[in-house]
Amino acid sequence: MALELPALPYAYDALGPYMSKETLEYHHDKHHMAYVTNGNAALKDSPLADKSIEEICKIAYADKIAPLVNNVGQHYNHLHFWNWMKPNGGGKKIPARLQAAIDADLGGYDKMRTDFIQAGVTQFGSGWAWIAKKDGKLAIMKTANGENPLMHGASPILGCDVWEHSYYIDYRNLRPKYLEAFVDNLVNWDYVDEMFSKA
């Protein structure tokens, strides 16, 4: 299967003022496109080429195939990242079943918010902050570079990209402010709930 860059599910200026048109143009059109191009190059003639993207992530990580972990991992992460955001998102407008799981497993909305932001702030260098389902429960995780929870025996339901290219144009070095804006104003909880249903 060839990797393909999807169109954004909203206009480039739809997430302002929390994520600018310029950030989305660079992040989607340049960075995500590079993962697609490099991922396709790494998959060419690979025995994994006909596997699903989720399987490629897991096998590539287990077998330490760095070009696939980095590029197919990042492609998977970004396919969902664009959908994990929407205009006028974020905050406490969470579907009831998902909210119940957040209450039971993560100590409620406020604790989840604090712990998720903290995971992103404390991810040294590049990487991601996550809410994932692991061993039947929700957990806050963080991963380096292009890794994701699939590679660590979990199913991601929400992820925030903390590579500098995802926030530096808008927030400079203030990664905590970016993470706060993401949780408070951008998260598409309906998409998170959809992934929660499948996890």
C-alpha atoms as a PDB file:
ATOM      1  CA  MET A   1       0.000   0.000   0.000  1.00  0.00           C
ATOM      2  CA  ALA A   2       1.349   3.431  -0.895  1.00  0.00           C
ATOM      3  CA  LEU A   3       1.163   6.131   1.748  1.00  0.00           C
ATOM      4  CA  GLU A   4      -0.794   9.204   0.667  1.00  0.00           C
ATOM      5  CA  LEU A   5      -1.011  12.702   2.088  1.00  0.00           C
ATOM      6  CA  PRO A   6      -4.647  13.398   2.977  1.00  0.00           C
ATOM      7  CA  ALA A   7      -6.228  16.815   2.597  1.00  0.00           C
ATOM      8  CA  LEU A   8      -6.801  18.638   5.872  1.00  0.00           C
ATOM      9  CA  PRO A   9     -10.368  18.183   7.168  1.00  0.00           C
ATOM     10  CA  TYR A  10     -10.708  22.006   7.498  1.00  0.00           C
ATOM     11  CA  ALA A  11      -9.317  25.147   5.868  1.00  0.00           C
ATOM     12  CA  TYR A  12      -5.712  26.128   6.621  1.00  0.00           C
ATOM     13  CA  ASP A  13      -6.919  29.165   8.589  1.00  0.00           C
ATOM     14  CA  ALA A  14      -9.699  27.314  10.464  1.00  0.00           C
ATOM     15  CA  LEU A  15      -7.761  26.673  13.705  1.00  0.00           C
ATOM     16  CA  GLY A  16      -6.716  30.265  14.364  1.00  0.00           C
ATOM     17  CA  PRO A  17      -5.752  31.902  16.591  1.00  0.00           C
ATOM     18  CA  TYR A  18      -4.506  28.714  18.310  1.00  0.00           C
ATOM     19  CA  MET A  19      -2.764  27.227  15.270  1.00  0.00           C
ATOM     20  CA  SER A  20      -1.971  29.515  12.356  1.00  0.00           C
ATOM     21  CA  LYS A  21      -2.396  29.050   8.630  1.00  0.00           C
ATOM     22  CA  GLU A  22       1.394  29.297   8.273  1.00  0.00           C
ATOM     23  CA  THR A  23       1.953  26.485  10.792  1.00  0.00           C
ATOM     24  CA  LEU A  24      -0.551  24.211   9.048  1.00  0.00           C
ATOM     25  CA  GLU A  25       0.907  24.946   5.607  1.00  0.00           C
ATOM     26  CA  TYR A  26       4.419  24.035   6.770  1.00  0.00           C
ATOM     27  CA  HIS A  27       3.389  21.175   9.033  1.00  0.00           C
ATOM     28  CA  HIS A  28       0.950  19.481   6.641  1.00  0.00           C
ATOM     29  CA  ASP A  29       2.320  20.373   3.202  1.00  0.00           C
ATOM     30  CA  LYS A  30       6.046  20.081   3.992  1.00  0.00           C
ATOM     31  CA  HIS A  31       6.642  17.949   7.102  1.00  0.00           C
ATOM     32  CA  HIS A  32       3.839  15.405   6.693  1.00  0.00           C
ATOM     33  CA  MET A  33       4.561  15.200   2.948  1.00  0.00           C
ATOM     34  CA  ALA A  34       8.200  14.354   3.755  1.00  0.00           C
ATOM     35  CA  TYR A  35       7.092  11.432   5.973  1.00  0.00           C
ATOM     36  CA  VAL A  36       4.903  10.172   3.111  1.00  0.00           C
ATOM     37  CA  THR A  37       7.724  10.467   0.544  1.00  0.00           C
ATOM     38  CA  ASN A  38      10.358   8.896   2.812  1.00  0.00           C
ATOM     39  CA  GLY A  39       7.931   6.261   4.082  1.00  0.00           C
ATOM     40  CA  ASN A  40       7.081   5.172   0.539  1.00  0.00           C
ATOM     41  CA  ALA A  41      10.794   4.991  -0.300  1.00  0.00           C
ATOM     42  CA  ALA A  42      11.412   2.819   2.793  1.00  0.00           C
ATOM     43  CA  LEU A  43       8.441   0.557   1.967  1.00  0.00           C
ATOM     44  CA  LYS A  44       9.531  -0.006  -1.655  1.00  0.00           C
ATOM     45  CA  ASP A  45      10.608  -3.646  -1.960  1.00  0.00           C
ATOM     46  CA  SER A  46       9.895  -4.177   1.770  1.00  0.00           C
ATOM     47  CA  PRO A  47       8.060  -7.378   2.796  1.00  0.00           C
ATOM     48  CA  LEU A  48       5.864  -5.090   4.944  1.00  0.00           C
ATOM     49  CA  ALA A  49       4.602  -3.094   1.953  1.00  0.00           C
ATOM     50  CA  ASP A  50       1.236  -4.914   1.814  1.00  0.00           C
ATOM     51  CA  LYS A  51       0.542  -4.735   5.571  1.00  0.00           C
ATOM     52  CA  SER A  52      -1.809  -2.233   7.218  1.00  0.00           C
ATOM     53  CA  ILE A  53      -0.236   0.948   8.547  1.00  0.00           C
ATOM     54  CA  GLU A  54      -0.917  -0.228  12.123  1.00  0.00           C
ATOM     55  CA  GLU A  55       0.860  -3.538  11.489  1.00  0.00           C
ATOM     56  CA  ILE A  56       3.812  -1.786   9.859  1.00  0.00           C
ATOM     57  CA  CYS A  57       4.191   0.433  12.953  1.00  0.00           C
ATOM     58  CA  LYS A  58       4.214  -2.554  15.327  1.00  0.00           C
ATOM     59  CA  ILE A  59       6.490  -4.820  13.269  1.00  0.00           C
ATOM     60  CA  ALA A  60       8.921  -2.039  12.316  1.00  0.00           C
ATOM     61  CA  TYR A  61       9.324  -1.112  15.991  1.00  0.00           C
ATOM     62  CA  ALA A  62       9.761  -4.737  17.107  1.00  0.00           C
ATOM     63  CA  ASP A  63      12.300  -5.377  14.331  1.00  0.00           C
ATOM     64  CA  LYS A  64      14.059  -2.019  14.848  1.00  0.00           C
ATOM     65  CA  ILE A  65      13.550  -0.821  11.247  1.00  0.00           C
ATOM     66  CA  ALA A  66      14.265   2.861  11.939  1.00  0.00           C
ATOM     67  CA  PRO A  67      13.212   4.386   8.570  1.00  0.00           C
ATOM     68  CA  LEU A  68       9.760   2.770   8.906  1.00  0.00           C
ATOM     69  CA  VAL A  69       9.387   3.554  12.613  1.00  0.00           C
ATOM     70  CA  ASN A  70      10.213   7.204  11.905  1.00  0.00           C
ATOM     71  CA  ASN A  71       8.329   7.815   8.656  1.00  0.00           C
ATOM     72  CA  VAL A  72       5.398   5.373   8.701  1.00  0.00           C
ATOM     73  CA  GLY A  73       5.025   6.048  12.441  1.00  0.00           C
ATOM     74  CA  GLN A  74       4.871   9.786  11.794  1.00  0.00           C
ATOM     75  CA  HIS A  75       2.463   9.296   8.875  1.00  0.00           C
ATOM     76  CA  TYR A  76       0.128   7.299  11.138  1.00  0.00           C
ATOM     77  CA  ASN A  77       0.462   9.904  13.904  1.00  0.00           C
ATOM     78  CA  HIS A  78      -0.332  12.783  11.560  1.00  0.00           C
ATOM     79  CA  LEU A  79      -3.257  11.051   9.809  1.00  0.00           C
ATOM     80  CA  HIS A  80      -4.956  11.171  13.197  1.00  0.00           C
ATOM     81  CA  PHE A  81      -3.448  14.449  14.448  1.00  0.00           C
ATOM     82  CA  TRP A  82      -5.306  16.485  11.802  1.00  0.00           C
ATOM     83  CA  ASN A  83      -8.551  14.785  12.845  1.00  0.00           C
ATOM     84  CA  TRP A  84      -7.864  15.185  16.562  1.00  0.00           C
ATOM     85  CA  MET A  85      -8.354  18.934  16.042  1.00  0.00           C
ATOM     86  CA  LYS A  86     -11.301  21.019  14.907  1.00  0.00           C
ATOM     87  CA  PRO A  87     -12.389  24.675  15.067  1.00  0.00           C
ATOM     88  CA  ASN A  88     -14.044  25.501  18.406  1.00  0.00           C
ATOM     89  CA  GLY A  89     -12.898  22.228  19.922  1.00  0.00           C
ATOM     90  CA  GLY A  90     -11.371  21.362  23.268  1.00  0.00           C
ATOM     91  CA  GLY A  91     -12.594  21.944  26.773  1.00  0.00           C
ATOM     92  CA  LYS A  92     -15.058  19.767  28.636  1.00  0.00           C
ATOM     93  CA  LYS A  93     -17.495  19.030  25.782  1.00  0.00           C
ATOM     94  CA  ILE A  94     -16.754  15.291  25.953  1.00  0.00           C
ATOM     95  CA  PRO A  95     -19.127  12.438  24.977  1.00  0.00           C
ATOM     96  CA  ALA A  96     -20.534  10.772  28.104  1.00  0.00           C
ATOM     97  CA  ARG A  97     -18.994   7.307  27.717  1.00  0.00           C
ATOM     98  CA  LEU A  98     -15.529   8.747  27.097  1.00  0.00           C
ATOM     99  CA  GLN A  99     -15.953  11.140  30.025  1.00  0.00           C
ATOM    100  CA  ALA A 100     -16.855   8.178  32.261  1.00  0.00           C
ATOM    101  CA  ALA A 101     -13.621   6.415  31.240  1.00  0.00           C
ATOM    102  CA  ILE A 102     -11.594   9.600  31.857  1.00  0.00           C
ATOM    103  CA  ASP A 103     -13.190   9.874  35.305  1.00  0.00           C
ATOM    104  CA  ALA A 104     -12.551   6.210  36.147  1.00  0.00           C
ATOM    105  CA  ASP A 105      -9.047   5.784  34.707  1.00  0.00           C
ATOM    106  CA  LEU A 106      -7.464   9.253  34.644  1.00  0.00           C
ATOM    107  CA  GLY A 107      -8.940  10.922  37.736  1.00  0.00           C
ATOM    108  CA  GLY A 108     -11.373  13.231  35.924  1.00  0.00           C
ATOM    109  CA  TYR A 109     -11.030  15.994  33.355  1.00  0.00           C
ATOM    110  CA  ASP A 110      -8.838  18.404  35.325  1.00  0.00           C
ATOM    111  CA  LYS A 111      -6.293  15.756  36.323  1.00  0.00           C
ATOM    112  CA  MET A 112      -6.276  14.332  32.789  1.00  0.00           C
ATOM    113  CA  ARG A 113      -5.657  17.837  31.381  1.00  0.00           C
ATOM    114  CA  THR A 114      -2.784  18.473  33.807  1.00  0.00           C
ATOM    115  CA  ASP A 115      -1.161  15.072  33.244  1.00  0.00           C
ATOM    116  CA  PHE A 116      -1.526  15.203  29.443  1.00  0.00           C
ATOM    117  CA  ILE A 117       0.041  18.676  29.266  1.00  0.00           C
ATOM    118  CA  GLN A 118       2.797  17.545  31.638  1.00  0.00           C
ATOM    119  CA  ALA A 119       3.545  14.518  29.430  1.00  0.00           C
ATOM    120  CA  GLY A 120       3.989  16.839  26.458  1.00  0.00           C
ATOM    121  CA  VAL A 121       6.070  19.382  28.372  1.00  0.00           C
ATOM    122  CA  THR A 122       8.413  16.723  29.792  1.00  0.00           C
ATOM    123  CA  GLN A 123       8.932  14.826  26.504  1.00  0.00           C
ATOM    124  CA  PHE A 124      12.567  15.773  25.964  1.00  0.00           C
ATOM    125  CA  GLY A 125      13.291  16.799  22.386  1.00  0.00           C
ATOM    126  CA  SER A 126      10.803  15.729  19.735  1.00  0.00           C
ATOM    127  CA  GLY A 127       7.860  13.423  20.279  1.00  0.00           C
ATOM    128  CA  TRP A 128       4.223  13.110  21.258  1.00  0.00           C
ATOM    129  CA  ALA A 129       1.882  13.201  24.267  1.00  0.00           C
ATOM    130  CA  TRP A 130      -0.932  10.640  24.255  1.00  0.00           C
ATOM    131  CA  ILE A 131      -4.056   9.272  25.827  1.00  0.00           C
ATOM    132  CA  ALA A 132      -4.099   5.572  24.954  1.00  0.00           C
ATOM    133  CA  LYS A 133      -5.966   2.453  25.966  1.00  0.00           C
ATOM    134  CA  LYS A 134      -3.600  -0.095  27.481  1.00  0.00           C
ATOM    135  CA  ASP A 135      -4.600  -3.285  29.292  1.00  0.00           C
ATOM    136  CA  GLY A 136      -8.250  -2.247  29.156  1.00  0.00           C
ATOM    137  CA  LYS A 137      -7.738   1.173  30.760  1.00  0.00           C
ATOM    138  CA  LEU A 138      -6.940   4.680  29.598  1.00  0.00           C
ATOM    139  CA  ALA A 139      -3.402   5.884  30.309  1.00  0.00           C
ATOM    140  CA  ILE A 140      -1.367   9.021  29.661  1.00  0.00           C
ATOM    141  CA  MET A 141       1.791   8.242  27.681  1.00  0.00           C
ATOM    142  CA  LYS A 142       4.568  10.027  25.846  1.00  0.00           C
ATOM    143  CA  THR A 143       6.810   8.778  23.067  1.00  0.00           C
ATOM    144  CA  ALA A 144       9.951  10.016  21.352  1.00  0.00           C
ATOM    145  CA  ASN A 145      10.262  11.047  17.712  1.00  0.00           C
ATOM    146  CA  GLY A 146       7.937   9.037  15.416  1.00  0.00           C
ATOM    147  CA  GLU A 147       6.959   6.385  17.947  1.00  0.00           C
ATOM    148  CA  ASN A 148       3.341   5.898  19.006  1.00  0.00           C
ATOM    149  CA  PRO A 149       1.394   3.768  21.506  1.00  0.00           C
ATOM    150  CA  LEU A 150       0.826   0.999  18.917  1.00  0.00           C
ATOM    151  CA  MET A 151       4.556   0.276  19.207  1.00  0.00           C
ATOM    152  CA  HIS A 152       4.211  -0.052  22.986  1.00  0.00           C
ATOM    153  CA  GLY A 153       1.227  -2.406  23.184  1.00  0.00           C
ATOM    154  CA  ALA A 154      -1.467   0.271  23.434  1.00  0.00           C
ATOM    155  CA  SER A 155      -4.126   1.902  21.226  1.00  0.00           C
ATOM    156  CA  PRO A 156      -3.912   5.699  20.880  1.00  0.00           C
ATOM    157  CA  ILE A 157      -7.128   7.672  21.205  1.00  0.00           C
ATOM    158  CA  LEU A 158      -5.615  11.202  21.391  1.00  0.00           C
ATOM    159  CA  GLY A 159      -2.165  12.499  20.507  1.00  0.00           C
ATOM    160  CA  CYS A 160      -0.505  15.909  20.448  1.00  0.00           C
ATOM    161  CA  ASP A 161       2.600  16.518  18.343  1.00  0.00           C
ATOM    162  CA  VAL A 162       5.315  18.252  20.382  1.00  0.00           C
ATOM    163  CA  TRP A 163       7.935  18.457  17.634  1.00  0.00           C
ATOM    164  CA  GLU A 164       8.979  22.112  17.422  1.00  0.00           C
ATOM    165  CA  HIS A 165       7.623  22.461  13.877  1.00  0.00           C
ATOM    166  CA  SER A 166       4.114  21.942  15.250  1.00  0.00           C
ATOM    167  CA  TYR A 167       4.220  25.046  17.459  1.00  0.00           C
ATOM    168  CA  TYR A 168       7.340  27.203  17.004  1.00  0.00           C
ATOM    169  CA  ILE A 169       5.843  29.638  14.478  1.00  0.00           C
ATOM    170  CA  ASP A 170       2.936  30.386  16.838  1.00  0.00           C
ATOM    171  CA  TYR A 171       4.391  29.884  20.328  1.00  0.00           C
ATOM    172  CA  ARG A 172       8.184  30.060  19.883  1.00  0.00           C
ATOM    173  CA  ASN A 173       9.683  28.140  22.840  1.00  0.00           C
ATOM    174  CA  LEU A 174       6.473  28.126  24.925  1.00  0.00           C
ATOM    175  CA  ARG A 175       5.526  24.470  24.515  1.00  0.00           C
ATOM    176  CA  PRO A 176       3.262  24.511  27.645  1.00  0.00           C
ATOM    177  CA  LYS A 177       1.143  27.333  26.124  1.00  0.00           C
ATOM    178  CA  TYR A 178       0.731  25.322  22.912  1.00  0.00           C
ATOM    179  CA  LEU A 179      -0.366  22.219  24.839  1.00  0.00           C
ATOM    180  CA  GLU A 180      -2.837  24.260  26.887  1.00  0.00           C
ATOM    181  CA  ALA A 181      -4.290  25.770  23.699  1.00  0.00           C
ATOM    182  CA  PHE A 182      -4.532  22.297  22.148  1.00  0.00           C
ATOM    183  CA  VAL A 183      -6.498  20.798  25.058  1.00  0.00           C
ATOM    184  CA  ASP A 184      -8.626  23.872  25.776  1.00  0.00           C
ATOM    185  CA  ASN A 185      -9.476  24.987  22.229  1.00  0.00           C
ATOM    186  CA  LEU A 186      -8.624  22.426  19.550  1.00  0.00           C
ATOM    187  CA  VAL A 187      -9.333  18.814  20.575  1.00  0.00           C
ATOM    188  CA  ASN A 188     -12.016  17.099  18.504  1.00  0.00           C
ATOM    189  CA  TRP A 189     -13.523  14.969  21.298  1.00  0.00           C
ATOM    190  CA  ASP A 190     -15.915  13.261  18.872  1.00  0.00           C
ATOM    191  CA  TYR A 191     -12.939  11.845  16.957  1.00  0.00           C
ATOM    192  CA  VAL A 192     -11.281  10.830  20.229  1.00  0.00           C
ATOM    193  CA  ASP A 193     -14.514   9.050  21.174  1.00  0.00           C
ATOM    194  CA  GLU A 194     -14.554   7.298  17.782  1.00  0.00           C
ATOM    195  CA  MET A 195     -11.028   5.961  18.385  1.00  0.00           C
ATOM    196  CA  PHE A 196     -11.975   5.050  21.962  1.00  0.00           C
ATOM    197  CA  SER A 197     -14.829   2.910  20.550  1.00  0.00           C
ATOM    198  CA  LYS A 198     -12.395   1.013  18.319  1.00  0.00           C
ATOM    199  CA  ALA A 199      -9.585   0.654  20.888  1.00  0.00           C
END
